[in-house]
Full PDB file with SEQRES, HELIX, SHEET, SSBOND, CRYST1, ORIGX, SCALE, CONECT and MASTER records, all heavy atoms in Angstrom:
SEQRES   1 A   38  SER LYS GLU LEU PHE GLN ARG TYR ARG ASN ALA PHE HIS          
SEQRES   2 A   38  ALA GLY GLN PHE ASP SER ILE PHE PHE GLN ASN GLU TYR          
SEQRES   3 A   38  VAL PRO GLN PHE ILE SER GLU LEU LEU LYS SER GLU              
HELIX    1 AA1 LYS A    2  HIS A   13  1                                  12    
HELIX    2 AA2 SER A   19  PHE A   21  1                                   3    
HELIX    3 AA3 PHE A   22  TYR A   26  3                                   5    
HELIX    4 AA4 VAL A   27  LYS A   36  1                                  10    
CRYST1    1.000    1.000    1.000  90.00  90.00  90.00 P 1           1          
ORIGX1      1.000000  0.000000  0.000000        0.00000                         
ORIGX2      0.000000  1.000000  0.000000        0.00000                         
ORIGX3      0.000000  0.000000  1.000000        0.00000                         
SCALE1      1.000000  0.000000  0.000000        0.00000                         
SCALE2      0.000000  1.000000  0.000000        0.00000                         
SCALE3      0.000000  0.000000  1.000000        0.00000                         
ATOM      1  N   SER A   1      45.338  14.945  27.466  1.00  0.00           N  
ATOM      2  CA  SER A   1      45.616  16.358  27.228  1.00  0.00           C  
ATOM      3  C   SER A   1      45.059  16.741  25.857  1.00  0.00           C  
ATOM      4  O   SER A   1      44.824  15.879  24.996  1.00  0.00           O  
ATOM      5  CB  SER A   1      47.122  16.610  27.257  1.00  0.00           C  
ATOM      6  OG  SER A   1      47.739  15.929  26.170  1.00  0.00           O  
ATOM      7  N   LYS A   2      44.867  18.029  25.652  1.00  0.00           N  
ATOM      8  CA  LYS A   2      44.356  18.493  24.359  1.00  0.00           C  
ATOM      9  C   LYS A   2      45.283  18.079  23.226  1.00  0.00           C  
ATOM     10  O   LYS A   2      44.826  17.690  22.151  1.00  0.00           O  
ATOM     11  CB  LYS A   2      44.188  20.013  24.378  1.00  0.00           C  
ATOM     12  CG  LYS A   2      43.043  20.462  25.238  1.00  0.00           C  
ATOM     13  CD  LYS A   2      42.913  21.976  25.231  1.00  0.00           C  
ATOM     14  CE  LYS A   2      41.794  22.383  26.174  1.00  0.00           C  
ATOM     15  NZ  LYS A   2      41.621  23.825  26.237  1.00  0.00           N  
ATOM     16  N   GLU A   3      46.591  18.147  23.474  1.00  0.00           N  
ATOM     17  CA  GLU A   3      47.551  17.791  22.441  1.00  0.00           C  
ATOM     18  C   GLU A   3      47.464  16.308  22.080  1.00  0.00           C  
ATOM     19  O   GLU A   3      47.460  15.931  20.909  1.00  0.00           O  
ATOM     20  CB  GLU A   3      48.985  18.119  22.895  1.00  0.00           C  
ATOM     21  CG  GLU A   3      49.239  19.586  23.136  1.00  0.00           C  
ATOM     22  CD  GLU A   3      48.740  20.080  24.508  1.00  0.00           C  
ATOM     23  OE1 GLU A   3      48.463  19.249  25.406  1.00  0.00           O  
ATOM     24  OE2 GLU A   3      48.615  21.303  24.651  1.00  0.00           O  
ATOM     25  N   LEU A   4      47.383  15.459  23.090  1.00  0.00           N  
ATOM     26  CA  LEU A   4      47.313  14.021  22.836  1.00  0.00           C  
ATOM     27  C   LEU A   4      45.991  13.655  22.168  1.00  0.00           C  
ATOM     28  O   LEU A   4      45.951  12.853  21.233  1.00  0.00           O  
ATOM     29  CB  LEU A   4      47.509  13.233  24.136  1.00  0.00           C  
ATOM     30  CG  LEU A   4      47.586  11.719  23.990  1.00  0.00           C  
ATOM     31  CD1 LEU A   4      48.705  11.310  23.037  1.00  0.00           C  
ATOM     32  CD2 LEU A   4      47.784  11.073  25.351  1.00  0.00           C  
ATOM     33  N   PHE A   5      44.911  14.261  22.614  1.00  0.00           N  
ATOM     34  CA  PHE A   5      43.607  13.975  22.009  1.00  0.00           C  
ATOM     35  C   PHE A   5      43.582  14.434  20.552  1.00  0.00           C  
ATOM     36  O   PHE A   5      42.995  13.771  19.694  1.00  0.00           O  
ATOM     37  CB  PHE A   5      42.481  14.628  22.808  1.00  0.00           C  
ATOM     38  CG  PHE A   5      41.119  14.167  22.382  1.00  0.00           C  
ATOM     39  CD1 PHE A   5      40.744  12.839  22.495  1.00  0.00           C  
ATOM     40  CD2 PHE A   5      40.205  15.061  21.851  1.00  0.00           C  
ATOM     41  CE1 PHE A   5      39.488  12.406  22.094  1.00  0.00           C  
ATOM     42  CE2 PHE A   5      38.946  14.642  21.452  1.00  0.00           C  
ATOM     43  CZ  PHE A   5      38.585  13.310  21.570  1.00  0.00           C  
ATOM     44  N   GLN A   6      44.249  15.541  20.253  1.00  0.00           N  
ATOM     45  CA  GLN A   6      44.303  16.005  18.867  1.00  0.00           C  
ATOM     46  C   GLN A   6      45.059  15.005  17.992  1.00  0.00           C  
ATOM     47  O   GLN A   6      44.666  14.744  16.859  1.00  0.00           O  
ATOM     48  CB  GLN A   6      44.959  17.384  18.776  1.00  0.00           C  
ATOM     49  CG  GLN A   6      44.820  18.024  17.407  1.00  0.00           C  
ATOM     50  CD  GLN A   6      43.366  18.204  16.986  1.00  0.00           C  
ATOM     51  OE1 GLN A   6      42.550  18.733  17.737  1.00  0.00           O  
ATOM     52  NE2 GLN A   6      43.023  17.740  15.793  1.00  0.00           N  
ATOM     53  N   ARG A   7      46.124  14.402  18.525  1.00  0.00           N  
ATOM     54  CA  ARG A   7      46.834  13.345  17.785  1.00  0.00           C  
ATOM     55  C   ARG A   7      45.906  12.166  17.498  1.00  0.00           C  
ATOM     56  O   ARG A   7      45.918  11.596  16.406  1.00  0.00           O  
ATOM     57  CB  ARG A   7      48.041  12.837  18.582  1.00  0.00           C  
ATOM     58  CG  ARG A   7      49.247  13.728  18.473  1.00  0.00           C  
ATOM     59  CD  ARG A   7      50.500  13.054  18.991  1.00  0.00           C  
ATOM     60  NE  ARG A   7      50.856  11.919  18.130  1.00  0.00           N  
ATOM     61  CZ  ARG A   7      51.425  10.815  18.574  1.00  0.00           C  
ATOM     62  NH1 ARG A   7      51.706  10.667  19.838  1.00  0.00           N  
ATOM     63  NH2 ARG A   7      51.722   9.841  17.749  1.00  0.00           N  
ATOM     64  N   TYR A   8      45.121  11.791  18.501  1.00  0.00           N  
ATOM     65  CA  TYR A   8      44.136  10.706  18.374  1.00  0.00           C  
ATOM     66  C   TYR A   8      43.169  11.020  17.241  1.00  0.00           C  
ATOM     67  O   TYR A   8      42.946  10.211  16.350  1.00  0.00           O  
ATOM     68  CB  TYR A   8      43.428  10.587  19.727  1.00  0.00           C  
ATOM     69  CG  TYR A   8      42.227   9.692  19.834  1.00  0.00           C  
ATOM     70  CD1 TYR A   8      42.361   8.380  20.257  1.00  0.00           C  
ATOM     71  CD2 TYR A   8      40.941  10.170  19.591  1.00  0.00           C  
ATOM     72  CE1 TYR A   8      41.259   7.565  20.419  1.00  0.00           C  
ATOM     73  CE2 TYR A   8      39.826   9.364  19.751  1.00  0.00           C  
ATOM     74  CZ  TYR A   8      39.995   8.054  20.159  1.00  0.00           C  
ATOM     75  OH  TYR A   8      38.902   7.256  20.313  1.00  0.00           O  
ATOM     76  N   ARG A   9      42.592  12.209  17.268  1.00  0.00           N  
ATOM     77  CA  ARG A   9      41.608  12.595  16.249  1.00  0.00           C  
ATOM     78  C   ARG A   9      42.250  12.725  14.863  1.00  0.00           C  
ATOM     79  O   ARG A   9      41.669  12.296  13.870  1.00  0.00           O  
ATOM     80  CB  ARG A   9      40.910  13.889  16.643  1.00  0.00           C  
ATOM     81  CG  ARG A   9      40.019  13.692  17.872  1.00  0.00           C  
ATOM     82  CD  ARG A   9      39.198  14.912  18.190  1.00  0.00           C  
ATOM     83  NE  ARG A   9      38.360  15.346  17.091  1.00  0.00           N  
ATOM     84  CZ  ARG A   9      37.186  14.816  16.745  1.00  0.00           C  
ATOM     85  NH1 ARG A   9      36.716  13.818  17.439  1.00  0.00           N  
ATOM     86  NH2 ARG A   9      36.495  15.290  15.739  1.00  0.00           N  
ATOM     87  N   ASN A  10      43.436  13.312  14.784  1.00  0.00           N  
ATOM     88  CA  ASN A  10      44.116  13.460  13.494  1.00  0.00           C  
ATOM     89  C   ASN A  10      44.406  12.090  12.877  1.00  0.00           C  
ATOM     90  O   ASN A  10      44.189  11.888  11.677  1.00  0.00           O  
ATOM     91  CB  ASN A  10      45.419  14.243  13.644  1.00  0.00           C  
ATOM     92  CG  ASN A  10      45.191  15.712  13.922  1.00  0.00           C  
ATOM     93  OD1 ASN A  10      44.088  16.238  13.768  1.00  0.00           O  
ATOM     94  ND2 ASN A  10      46.242  16.388  14.364  1.00  0.00           N  
ATOM     95  N   ALA A  11      44.910  11.180  13.683  1.00  0.00           N  
ATOM     96  CA  ALA A  11      45.209   9.831  13.184  1.00  0.00           C  
ATOM     97  C   ALA A  11      43.926   9.136  12.743  1.00  0.00           C  
ATOM     98  O   ALA A  11      43.889   8.465  11.706  1.00  0.00           O  
ATOM     99  CB  ALA A  11      45.929   9.017  14.251  1.00  0.00           C  
ATOM    100  N   PHE A  12      42.859   9.312  13.512  1.00  0.00           N  
ATOM    101  CA  PHE A  12      41.576   8.684  13.171  1.00  0.00           C  
ATOM    102  C   PHE A  12      41.077   9.202  11.826  1.00  0.00           C  
ATOM    103  O   PHE A  12      40.716   8.430  10.943  1.00  0.00           O  
ATOM    104  CB  PHE A  12      40.548   8.940  14.274  1.00  0.00           C  
ATOM    105  CG  PHE A  12      39.231   8.293  14.013  1.00  0.00           C  
ATOM    106  CD1 PHE A  12      39.032   6.958  14.324  1.00  0.00           C  
ATOM    107  CD2 PHE A  12      38.196   9.004  13.433  1.00  0.00           C  
ATOM    108  CE1 PHE A  12      37.817   6.349  14.071  1.00  0.00           C  
ATOM    109  CE2 PHE A  12      36.979   8.399  13.163  1.00  0.00           C  
ATOM    110  CZ  PHE A  12      36.790   7.063  13.481  1.00  0.00           C  
ATOM    111  N   HIS A  13      41.068  10.512  11.655  1.00  0.00           N  
ATOM    112  CA  HIS A  13      40.530  11.105  10.425  1.00  0.00           C  
ATOM    113  C   HIS A  13      41.444  10.874   9.216  1.00  0.00           C  
ATOM    114  O   HIS A  13      40.978  10.902   8.082  1.00  0.00           O  
ATOM    115  CB  HIS A  13      40.248  12.588  10.630  1.00  0.00           C  
ATOM    116  CG  HIS A  13      39.092  12.814  11.552  1.00  0.00           C  
ATOM    117  ND1 HIS A  13      37.803  12.424  11.259  1.00  0.00           N  
ATOM    118  CD2 HIS A  13      39.037  13.360  12.788  1.00  0.00           C  
ATOM    119  CE1 HIS A  13      36.998  12.720  12.267  1.00  0.00           C  
ATOM    120  NE2 HIS A  13      37.727  13.291  13.210  1.00  0.00           N  
ATOM    121  N   ALA A  14      42.723  10.618   9.447  1.00  0.00           N  
ATOM    122  CA  ALA A  14      43.654  10.336   8.354  1.00  0.00           C  
ATOM    123  C   ALA A  14      43.672   8.847   7.988  1.00  0.00           C  
ATOM    124  O   ALA A  14      44.415   8.435   7.103  1.00  0.00           O  
ATOM    125  CB  ALA A  14      45.061  10.793   8.734  1.00  0.00           C  
ATOM    126  N   GLY A  15      42.879   8.043   8.703  1.00  0.00           N  
ATOM    127  CA  GLY A  15      42.846   6.611   8.440  1.00  0.00           C  
ATOM    128  C   GLY A  15      44.066   5.871   8.971  1.00  0.00           C  
ATOM    129  O   GLY A  15      44.321   4.738   8.593  1.00  0.00           O  
ATOM    130  N   GLN A  16      44.824   6.504   9.860  1.00  0.00           N  
ATOM    131  CA  GLN A  16      46.036   5.899  10.413  1.00  0.00           C  
ATOM    132  C   GLN A  16      45.816   5.352  11.818  1.00  0.00           C  
ATOM    133  O   GLN A  16      46.740   4.844  12.432  1.00  0.00           O  
ATOM    134  CB  GLN A  16      47.156   6.943  10.452  1.00  0.00           C  
ATOM    135  CG  GLN A  16      47.489   7.496   9.105  1.00  0.00           C  
ATOM    136  CD  GLN A  16      48.334   8.749   9.191  1.00  0.00           C  
ATOM    137  OE1 GLN A  16      48.443   9.387  10.234  1.00  0.00           O  
ATOM    138  NE2 GLN A  16      48.929   9.117   8.075  1.00  0.00           N  
ATOM    139  N   PHE A  17      44.606   5.476  12.290  1.00  0.00           N  
ATOM    140  CA  PHE A  17      44.309   5.058  13.655  1.00  0.00           C  
ATOM    141  C   PHE A  17      43.905   3.598  13.632  1.00  0.00           C  
ATOM    142  O   PHE A  17      42.866   3.230  13.116  1.00  0.00           O  
ATOM    143  CB  PHE A  17      43.186   5.919  14.230  1.00  0.00           C  
ATOM    144  CG  PHE A  17      42.942   5.675  15.679  1.00  0.00           C  
ATOM    145  CD1 PHE A  17      43.675   6.355  16.623  1.00  0.00           C  
ATOM    146  CD2 PHE A  17      41.998   4.762  16.101  1.00  0.00           C  
ATOM    147  CE1 PHE A  17      43.468   6.137  17.972  1.00  0.00           C  
ATOM    148  CE2 PHE A  17      41.790   4.533  17.438  1.00  0.00           C  
ATOM    149  CZ  PHE A  17      42.516   5.226  18.373  1.00  0.00           C  
ATOM    150  N   ASP A  18      44.761   2.757  14.186  1.00  0.00           N  
ATOM    151  CA  ASP A  18      44.458   1.333  14.279  1.00  0.00           C  
ATOM    152  C   ASP A  18      44.969   0.812  15.609  1.00  0.00           C  
ATOM    153  O   ASP A  18      45.515   1.564  16.418  1.00  0.00           O  
ATOM    154  CB  ASP A  18      45.069   0.563  13.102  1.00  0.00           C  
ATOM    155  CG  ASP A  18      46.589   0.709  13.009  1.00  0.00           C  
ATOM    156  OD1 ASP A  18      47.228   1.157  13.993  1.00  0.00           O  
ATOM    157  OD2 ASP A  18      47.144   0.369  11.960  1.00  0.00           O  
ATOM    158  N   SER A  19      44.798  -0.472  15.846  1.00  0.00           N  
ATOM    159  CA  SER A  19      45.180  -1.026  17.143  1.00  0.00           C  
ATOM    160  C   SER A  19      46.689  -0.931  17.385  1.00  0.00           C  
ATOM    161  O   SER A  19      47.120  -0.780  18.528  1.00  0.00           O  
ATOM    162  CB  SER A  19      44.702  -2.470  17.280  1.00  0.00           C  
ATOM    163  OG  SER A  19      45.262  -3.270  16.259  1.00  0.00           O  
ATOM    164  N   ILE A  20      47.486  -0.989  16.338  1.00  0.00           N  
ATOM    165  CA  ILE A  20      48.944  -0.880  16.520  1.00  0.00           C  
ATOM    166  C   ILE A  20      49.322   0.531  16.974  1.00  0.00           C  
ATOM    167  O   ILE A  20      50.079   0.704  17.930  1.00  0.00           O  
ATOM    168  CB  ILE A  20      49.686  -1.277  15.223  1.00  0.00           C  
ATOM    169  CG1 ILE A  20      49.445  -2.759  14.944  1.00  0.00           C  
ATOM    170  CG2 ILE A  20      51.173  -0.964  15.330  1.00  0.00           C  
ATOM    171  CD1 ILE A  20      49.893  -3.217  13.575  1.00  0.00           C  
ATOM    172  N   PHE A  21      48.792   1.538  16.301  1.00  0.00           N  
ATOM    173  CA  PHE A  21      49.040   2.929  16.708  1.00  0.00           C  
ATOM    174  C   PHE A  21      48.554   3.138  18.139  1.00  0.00           C  
ATOM    175  O   PHE A  21      49.243   3.723  18.969  1.00  0.00           O  
ATOM    176  CB  PHE A  21      48.324   3.899  15.761  1.00  0.00           C  
ATOM    177  CG  PHE A  21      48.307   5.329  16.254  1.00  0.00           C  
ATOM    178  CD1 PHE A  21      49.398   6.161  16.049  1.00  0.00           C  
ATOM    179  CD2 PHE A  21      47.206   5.837  16.929  1.00  0.00           C  
ATOM    180  CE1 PHE A  21      49.390   7.478  16.503  1.00  0.00           C  
ATOM    181  CE2 PHE A  21      47.188   7.142  17.391  1.00  0.00           C  
ATOM    182  CZ  PHE A  21      48.285   7.963  17.174  1.00  0.00           C  
ATOM    183  N   PHE A  22      47.352   2.660  18.419  1.00  0.00           N  
ATOM    184  CA  PHE A  22      46.746   2.853  19.728  1.00  0.00           C  
ATOM    185  C   PHE A  22      47.603   2.226  20.824  1.00  0.00           C  
ATOM    186  O   PHE A  22      47.940   2.871  21.812  1.00  0.00           O  
ATOM    187  CB  PHE A  22      45.344   2.252  19.732  1.00  0.00           C  
ATOM    188  CG  PHE A  22      44.493   2.651  20.913  1.00  0.00           C  
ATOM    189  CD1 PHE A  22      44.073   3.962  21.071  1.00  0.00           C  
ATOM    190  CD2 PHE A  22      44.080   1.712  21.841  1.00  0.00           C  
ATOM    191  CE1 PHE A  22      43.274   4.330  22.142  1.00  0.00           C  
ATOM    192  CE2 PHE A  22      43.279   2.065  22.903  1.00  0.00           C  
ATOM    193  CZ  PHE A  22      42.870   3.381  23.057  1.00  0.00           C  
ATOM    194  N   GLN A  23      47.990   0.964  20.653  1.00  0.00           N  
ATOM    195  CA  GLN A  23      48.745   0.247  21.683  1.00  0.00           C  
ATOM    196  C   GLN A  23      50.188   0.716  21.809  1.00  0.00           C  
ATOM    197  O   GLN A  23      50.706   0.819  22.911  1.00  0.00           O  
ATOM    198  CB  GLN A  23      48.721  -1.257  21.411  1.00  0.00           C  
ATOM    199  CG  GLN A  23      47.368  -1.867  21.638  1.00  0.00           C  
ATOM    200  CD  GLN A  23      47.344  -3.345  21.338  1.00  0.00           C  
ATOM    201  OE1 GLN A  23      48.363  -3.960  21.046  1.00  0.00           O  
ATOM    202  NE2 GLN A  23      46.173  -3.940  21.403  1.00  0.00           N  
ATOM    203  N   ASN A  24      50.833   0.982  20.689  1.00  0.00           N  
ATOM    204  CA  ASN A  24      52.259   1.289  20.732  1.00  0.00           C  
ATOM    205  C   ASN A  24      52.581   2.762  20.952  1.00  0.00           C  
ATOM    206  O   ASN A  24      53.655   3.075  21.466  1.00  0.00           O  
ATOM    207  CB  ASN A  24      52.941   0.811  19.450  1.00  0.00           C  
ATOM    208  CG  ASN A  24      52.908  -0.695  19.318  1.00  0.00           C  
ATOM    209  OD1 ASN A  24      52.766  -1.409  20.294  1.00  0.00           O  
ATOM    210  ND2 ASN A  24      53.014  -1.180  18.106  1.00  0.00           N  
ATOM    211  N   GLU A  25      51.704   3.656  20.533  1.00  0.00           N  
ATOM    212  CA  GLU A  25      51.988   5.082  20.667  1.00  0.00           C  
ATOM    213  C   GLU A  25      51.042   5.784  21.632  1.00  0.00           C  
ATOM    214  O   GLU A  25      51.477   6.490  22.528  1.00  0.00           O  
ATOM    215  CB  GLU A  25      51.913   5.761  19.290  1.00  0.00           C  
ATOM    216  CG  GLU A  25      53.012   5.298  18.349  1.00  0.00           C  
ATOM    217  CD  GLU A  25      53.001   6.079  17.054  1.00  0.00           C  
ATOM    218  OE1 GLU A  25      52.825   7.307  17.099  1.00  0.00           O  
ATOM    219  OE2 GLU A  25      53.170   5.444  16.005  1.00  0.00           O  
ATOM    220  N   TYR A  26      49.764   5.579  21.421  1.00  0.00           N  
ATOM    221  CA  TYR A  26      48.790   6.358  22.176  1.00  0.00           C  
ATOM    222  C   TYR A  26      48.664   5.926  23.634  1.00  0.00           C  
ATOM    223  O   TYR A  26      48.725   6.743  24.543  1.00  0.00           O  
ATOM    224  CB  TYR A  26      47.427   6.302  21.477  1.00  0.00           C  
ATOM    225  CG  TYR A  26      46.479   7.312  22.037  1.00  0.00           C  
ATOM    226  CD1 TYR A  26      46.531   8.636  21.609  1.00  0.00           C  
ATOM    227  CD2 TYR A  26      45.559   6.965  23.016  1.00  0.00           C  
ATOM    228  CE1 TYR A  26      45.685   9.587  22.139  1.00  0.00           C  
ATOM    229  CE2 TYR A  26      44.712   7.906  23.545  1.00  0.00           C  
ATOM    230  CZ  TYR A  26      44.775   9.216  23.105  1.00  0.00           C  
ATOM    231  OH  TYR A  26      43.942  10.152  23.644  1.00  0.00           O  
ATOM    232  N   VAL A  27      48.473   4.635  23.852  1.00  0.00           N  
ATOM    233  CA  VAL A  27      48.257   4.128  25.214  1.00  0.00           C  
ATOM    234  C   VAL A  27      49.417   4.482  26.152  1.00  0.00           C  
ATOM    235  O   VAL A  27      49.179   5.004  27.246  1.00  0.00           O  
ATOM    236  CB  VAL A  27      47.976   2.603  25.221  1.00  0.00           C  
ATOM    237  CG1 VAL A  27      47.971   2.047  26.634  1.00  0.00           C  
ATOM    238  CG2 VAL A  27      46.644   2.316  24.545  1.00  0.00           C  
ATOM    239  N   PRO A  28      50.672   4.249  25.772  1.00  0.00           N  
ATOM    240  CA  PRO A  28      51.766   4.602  26.693  1.00  0.00           C  
ATOM    241  C   PRO A  28      51.783   6.090  27.056  1.00  0.00           C  
ATOM    242  O   PRO A  28      52.029   6.443  28.206  1.00  0.00           O  
ATOM    243  CB  PRO A  28      53.031   4.218  25.924  1.00  0.00           C  
ATOM    244  CG  PRO A  28      52.594   3.221  24.924  1.00  0.00           C  
ATOM    245  CD  PRO A  28      51.186   3.574  24.568  1.00  0.00           C  
ATOM    246  N   GLN A  29      51.500   6.952  26.081  1.00  0.00           N  
ATOM    247  CA  GLN A  29      51.494   8.390  26.363  1.00  0.00           C  
ATOM    248  C   GLN A  29      50.345   8.766  27.299  1.00  0.00           C  
ATOM    249  O   GLN A  29      50.513   9.563  28.215  1.00  0.00           O  
ATOM    250  CB  GLN A  29      51.410   9.191  25.064  1.00  0.00           C  
ATOM    251  CG  GLN A  29      52.666   9.102  24.245  1.00  0.00           C  
ATOM    252  CD  GLN A  29      52.548   9.858  22.931  1.00  0.00           C  
ATOM    253  OE1 GLN A  29      51.528  10.444  22.609  1.00  0.00           O  
ATOM    254  NE2 GLN A  29      53.614   9.837  22.164  1.00  0.00           N  
ATOM    255  N   PHE A  30      49.174   8.176  27.060  1.00  0.00           N  
ATOM    256  CA  PHE A  30      48.017   8.484  27.897  1.00  0.00           C  
ATOM    257  C   PHE A  30      48.237   7.988  29.326  1.00  0.00           C  
ATOM    258  O   PHE A  30      47.971   8.703  30.295  1.00  0.00           O  
ATOM    259  CB  PHE A  30      46.757   7.882  27.283  1.00  0.00           C  
ATOM    260  CG  PHE A  30      45.489   8.237  28.011  1.00  0.00           C  
ATOM    261  CD1 PHE A  30      45.192   9.551  28.349  1.00  0.00           C  
ATOM    262  CD2 PHE A  30      44.585   7.257  28.350  1.00  0.00           C  
ATOM    263  CE1 PHE A  30      44.016   9.879  29.009  1.00  0.00           C  
ATOM    264  CE2 PHE A  30      43.401   7.567  29.005  1.00  0.00           C  
ATOM    265  CZ  PHE A  30      43.124   8.879  29.338  1.00  0.00           C  
ATOM    266  N   ILE A  31      48.745   6.772  29.477  1.00  0.00           N  
ATOM    267  CA  ILE A  31      49.021   6.238  30.813  1.00  0.00           C  
ATOM    268  C   ILE A  31      50.038   7.127  31.529  1.00  0.00           C  
ATOM    269  O   ILE A  31      49.868   7.456  32.702  1.00  0.00           O  
ATOM    270  CB  ILE A  31      49.508   4.776  30.737  1.00  0.00           C  
ATOM    271  CG1 ILE A  31      48.347   3.859  30.333  1.00  0.00           C  
ATOM    272  CG2 ILE A  31      50.098   4.324  32.077  1.00  0.00           C  
ATOM    273  CD1 ILE A  31      48.753   2.427  30.058  1.00  0.00           C  
ATOM    274  N   SER A  32      51.064   7.532  30.817  1.00  0.00           N  
ATOM    275  CA  SER A  32      52.082   8.401  31.406  1.00  0.00           C  
ATOM    276  C   SER A  32      51.467   9.716  31.893  1.00  0.00           C  
ATOM    277  O   SER A  32      51.764  10.179  32.997  1.00  0.00           O  
ATOM    278  CB  SER A  32      53.182   8.669  30.383  1.00  0.00           C  
ATOM    279  OG  SER A  32      54.128   9.559  30.899  1.00  0.00           O  
ATOM    280  N   GLU A  33      50.596  10.310  31.083  1.00  0.00           N  
ATOM    281  CA  GLU A  33      49.922  11.549  31.492  1.00  0.00           C  
ATOM    282  C   GLU A  33      49.120  11.342  32.771  1.00  0.00           C  
ATOM    283  O   GLU A  33      49.197  12.152  33.697  1.00  0.00           O  
ATOM    284  CB  GLU A  33      48.967  12.034  30.397  1.00  0.00           C  
ATOM    285  CG  GLU A  33      49.613  12.738  29.262  1.00  0.00           C  
ATOM    286  CD  GLU A  33      48.603  13.311  28.277  1.00  0.00           C  
ATOM    287  OE1 GLU A  33      47.367  13.212  28.492  1.00  0.00           O  
ATOM    288  OE2 GLU A  33      49.068  13.871  27.276  1.00  0.00           O  
ATOM    289  N   LEU A  34      48.350  10.262  32.817  1.00  0.00           N  
ATOM    290  CA  LEU A  34      47.509  10.009  33.992  1.00  0.00           C  
ATOM    291  C   LEU A  34      48.349   9.787  35.246  1.00  0.00           C  
ATOM    292  O   LEU A  34      48.034  10.309  36.313  1.00  0.00           O  
ATOM    293  CB  LEU A  34      46.588   8.821  33.751  1.00  0.00           C  
ATOM    294  CG  LEU A  34      45.471   9.013  32.731  1.00  0.00           C  
ATOM    295  CD1 LEU A  34      44.664   7.733  32.583  1.00  0.00           C  
ATOM    296  CD2 LEU A  34      44.566  10.166  33.093  1.00  0.00           C  
ATOM    297  N   LEU A  35      49.413   9.000  35.118  1.00  0.00           N  
ATOM    298  CA  LEU A  35      50.232   8.684  36.287  1.00  0.00           C  
ATOM    299  C   LEU A  35      50.978   9.904  36.822  1.00  0.00           C  
ATOM    300  O   LEU A  35      51.315   9.950  38.003  1.00  0.00           O  
ATOM    301  CB  LEU A  35      51.224   7.568  35.954  1.00  0.00           C  
ATOM    302  CG  LEU A  35      50.602   6.198  35.652  1.00  0.00           C  
ATOM    303  CD1 LEU A  35      51.673   5.199  35.253  1.00  0.00           C  
ATOM    304  CD2 LEU A  35      49.781   5.682  36.814  1.00  0.00           C  
ATOM    305  N   LYS A  36      51.213  10.900  35.982  1.00  0.00           N  
ATOM    306  CA  LYS A  36      51.889  12.129  36.413  1.00  0.00           C  
ATOM    307  C   LYS A  36      50.932  13.155  37.013  1.00  0.00           C  
ATOM    308  O   LYS A  36      51.370  14.124  37.616  1.00  0.00           O  
ATOM    309  CB  LYS A  36      52.613  12.772  35.232  1.00  0.00           C  
ATOM    310  CG  LYS A  36      53.815  11.983  34.764  1.00  0.00           C  
ATOM    311  CD  LYS A  36      54.427  12.634  33.537  1.00  0.00           C  
ATOM    312  CE  LYS A  36      55.546  11.787  32.980  1.00  0.00           C  
ATOM    313  NZ  LYS A  36      56.047  12.328  31.704  1.00  0.00           N  
ATOM    314  N   SER A  37      49.635  12.937  36.858  1.00  0.00           N  
ATOM    315  CA  SER A  37      48.636  13.900  37.315  1.00  0.00           C  
ATOM    316  C   SER A  37      48.123  13.543  38.710  1.00  0.00           C  
ATOM    317  O   SER A  37      47.501  12.491  38.899  1.00  0.00           O  
ATOM    318  CB  SER A  37      47.458  13.933  36.338  1.00  0.00           C  
ATOM    319  OG  SER A  37      46.369  14.618  36.896  1.00  0.00           O  
ATOM    320  N   GLU A  38      48.354  14.426  39.663  1.00  0.00           N  
ATOM    321  CA  GLU A  38      47.874  14.197  41.027  1.00  0.00           C  
ATOM    322  C   GLU A  38      46.345  14.112  41.061  1.00  0.00           C  
ATOM    323  O   GLU A  38      45.779  13.264  41.745  1.00  0.00           O  
ATOM    324  CB  GLU A  38      48.364  15.328  41.934  1.00  0.00           C  
ATOM    325  CG  GLU A  38      48.083  15.089  43.396  1.00  0.00           C  
ATOM    326  CD  GLU A  38      48.707  16.159  44.272  1.00  0.00           C  
ATOM    327  OE1 GLU A  38      49.820  16.620  43.990  1.00  0.00           O  
ATOM    328  OE2 GLU A  38      48.043  16.530  45.258  1.00  0.00           O  
TER     329      GLU A  38                                                      
MASTER        0    0    0    4    0    0    0    6  328    1    0    3          
END                                                                             
């Protein structure tokens, strides 16, 4: 979603985007979005 992608980009540009953020926060939210979308 635009909101989730904006979080991805904000974290990346703030230097906070790493594998821990990606695996623990981003991936679960993205998977949840996909599984809810017909």
